[in-house]
């Protein structure tokens, strides 16, 4: 009378969805998720920057954090455009959620639109 479907996505072995060679234990998943939460990217950097899976997501999170800081800085000077800046902040929130979903699925997938800029960060 087992009602759980152990073959469904998200159940069972978490190693199934991870790319080969990536160490996706719970610590690295947590560090990768932290990389998408604004300034907490620094925690991920100092704790697990040697892991290639975490490093990929640190770079993606840094792109989002730079966008957030730039929007905050420009927004303090051009407060008349607050509606535009709120839309940009909403877009970065959505991209962070996409990044976190990619982490939980064990994917190293670039974020739409801004993901290509992560190559400029040399970690």
Protein backbone atom coordinates (compact mmCIF):
# COMPACT_ATOMS: atom_id res chain seq x y z
CA UNK A 1 0.00 0.00 0.00
CA UNK A 2 2.87 2.32 -0.83
CA UNK A 3 1.26 5.42 -2.35
CA UNK A 4 4.54 7.21 -3.09
CA UNK A 5 5.94 7.02 -6.58
CA UNK A 6 9.66 6.57 -6.00
CA UNK A 7 10.37 6.89 -9.71
CA UNK A 8 8.88 10.38 -9.94
CA UNK A 9 11.23 13.35 -10.32
CA UNK A 10 12.44 14.60 -6.98
CA UNK A 11 12.19 11.20 -5.27
CA UNK A 12 15.01 8.82 -4.65
CA UNK A 13 18.63 9.29 -5.57
CA UNK A 14 19.52 12.95 -6.09
CA UNK A 15 22.57 11.95 -8.13
CA UNK A 16 20.44 11.05 -11.18
CA UNK A 17 20.06 14.63 -12.39
CA UNK A 18 23.55 15.84 -11.61
CA UNK A 19 26.13 16.28 -14.33
CA UNK A 20 28.93 13.76 -14.26
CA UNK A 21 31.84 14.82 -12.11
CA UNK A 22 29.78 17.24 -10.03
CA UNK A 23 29.66 16.60 -6.31
CA UNK A 24 26.05 17.40 -5.51
CA UNK A 25 25.93 16.60 -1.82
CA UNK A 26 23.64 18.70 0.32
CA UNK A 27 26.37 21.17 1.33
CA UNK A 28 27.14 22.06 -2.28
CA UNK A 29 23.45 22.43 -3.09
CA UNK A 30 23.01 24.79 -0.14
CA UNK A 31 26.08 26.80 -1.16
CA UNK A 32 24.80 27.01 -4.73
CA UNK A 33 21.38 28.21 -3.57
CA UNK A 34 23.00 30.85 -1.35
CA UNK A 35 24.83 32.16 -4.41
CA UNK A 36 21.51 33.45 -5.77
CA UNK A 37 20.51 35.32 -2.61
CA UNK A 38 22.15 38.72 -3.03
CA UNK A 39 25.13 39.35 -0.75
CA UNK A 40 25.10 35.75 0.49
CA UNK A 41 27.04 34.92 -2.66
CA UNK A 42 30.10 35.85 -0.58
CA UNK A 43 29.38 32.96 1.80
CA UNK A 44 29.30 30.54 -1.11
CA UNK A 45 32.51 31.98 -2.48
CA UNK A 46 34.47 31.64 0.75
CA UNK A 47 33.12 28.19 1.66
CA UNK A 48 32.94 26.22 -1.58
CA UNK A 49 34.59 28.07 -4.46
CA UNK A 50 36.74 25.04 -5.35
CA UNK A 51 33.75 22.93 -6.41
CA UNK A 52 33.02 23.43 -10.15
CA UNK A 53 29.24 23.07 -9.67
CA UNK A 54 29.17 25.72 -6.93
CA UNK A 55 31.60 27.96 -8.83
CA UNK A 56 29.28 28.00 -11.86
CA UNK A 57 26.35 29.15 -9.72
CA UNK A 58 28.50 31.67 -7.83
CA UNK A 59 29.29 33.36 -11.15
CA UNK A 60 25.61 33.38 -12.12
CA UNK A 61 24.69 34.83 -8.71
CA UNK A 62 27.37 37.49 -9.01
CA UNK A 63 25.82 38.70 -12.26
CA UNK A 64 22.46 39.10 -10.55
CA UNK A 65 24.02 40.80 -7.52
CA UNK A 66 25.88 43.32 -9.71
CA UNK A 67 22.61 44.13 -11.50
CA UNK A 68 20.85 44.61 -8.16
CA UNK A 69 23.56 46.92 -6.82
CA UNK A 70 23.65 48.93 -10.07
CA UNK A 71 19.86 49.34 -10.03
CA UNK A 72 19.98 50.43 -6.39
CA UNK A 73 22.77 52.95 -7.05
CA UNK A 74 21.20 54.46 -10.17
CA UNK A 75 17.78 54.37 -8.53
CA UNK A 76 18.94 56.61 -5.70
CA UNK A 77 19.84 59.28 -8.24
CA UNK A 78 16.96 58.82 -10.66
CA UNK A 79 14.10 58.14 -8.30
CA UNK A 80 11.62 59.34 -10.94
CA UNK A 81 12.15 56.04 -12.78
CA UNK A 82 11.23 53.93 -9.74
CA UNK A 83 8.66 51.95 -11.74
CA UNK A 84 11.29 50.84 -14.28
CA UNK A 85 13.71 49.93 -11.50
CA UNK A 86 11.02 47.87 -9.77
CA UNK A 87 10.50 45.92 -13.00
CA UNK A 88 14.23 45.25 -13.22
CA UNK A 89 14.26 44.10 -9.59
CA UNK A 90 11.33 41.79 -10.33
CA UNK A 91 13.23 40.37 -13.32
CA UNK A 92 16.30 39.68 -11.17
CA UNK A 93 14.08 37.95 -8.60
CA UNK A 94 12.60 35.73 -11.31
CA UNK A 95 16.08 34.94 -12.65
CA UNK A 96 17.25 34.05 -9.13
CA UNK A 97 14.31 31.66 -8.76
CA UNK A 98 15.21 30.07 -12.12
CA UNK A 99 18.79 29.69 -10.90
CA UNK A 100 17.68 28.07 -7.65
CA UNK A 101 15.47 25.65 -9.59
CA UNK A 102 18.47 24.76 -11.76
CA UNK A 103 20.52 24.09 -8.62
CA UNK A 104 17.93 21.79 -7.12
CA UNK A 105 17.76 19.86 -10.41
CA UNK A 106 21.56 19.59 -10.53
CA UNK A 107 21.89 21.57 -13.76
CA UNK A 108 24.62 23.96 -14.82
CA UNK A 109 22.41 25.99 -17.13
CA UNK A 110 23.02 29.67 -17.86
CA UNK A 111 20.31 32.10 -16.86
CA UNK A 112 18.32 33.66 -19.70
CA UNK A 113 19.51 37.06 -20.99
CA UNK A 114 22.20 37.72 -18.33
CA UNK A 115 23.84 34.32 -17.89
CA UNK A 116 26.47 34.93 -20.57
CA UNK A 117 27.99 37.74 -18.53
CA UNK A 118 29.16 35.26 -15.90
CA UNK A 119 32.22 34.50 -18.01
CA UNK A 120 33.61 37.91 -17.10
CA UNK A 121 34.07 36.81 -13.49
CA UNK A 122 37.37 35.02 -12.96
CA UNK A 123 37.10 33.02 -9.76
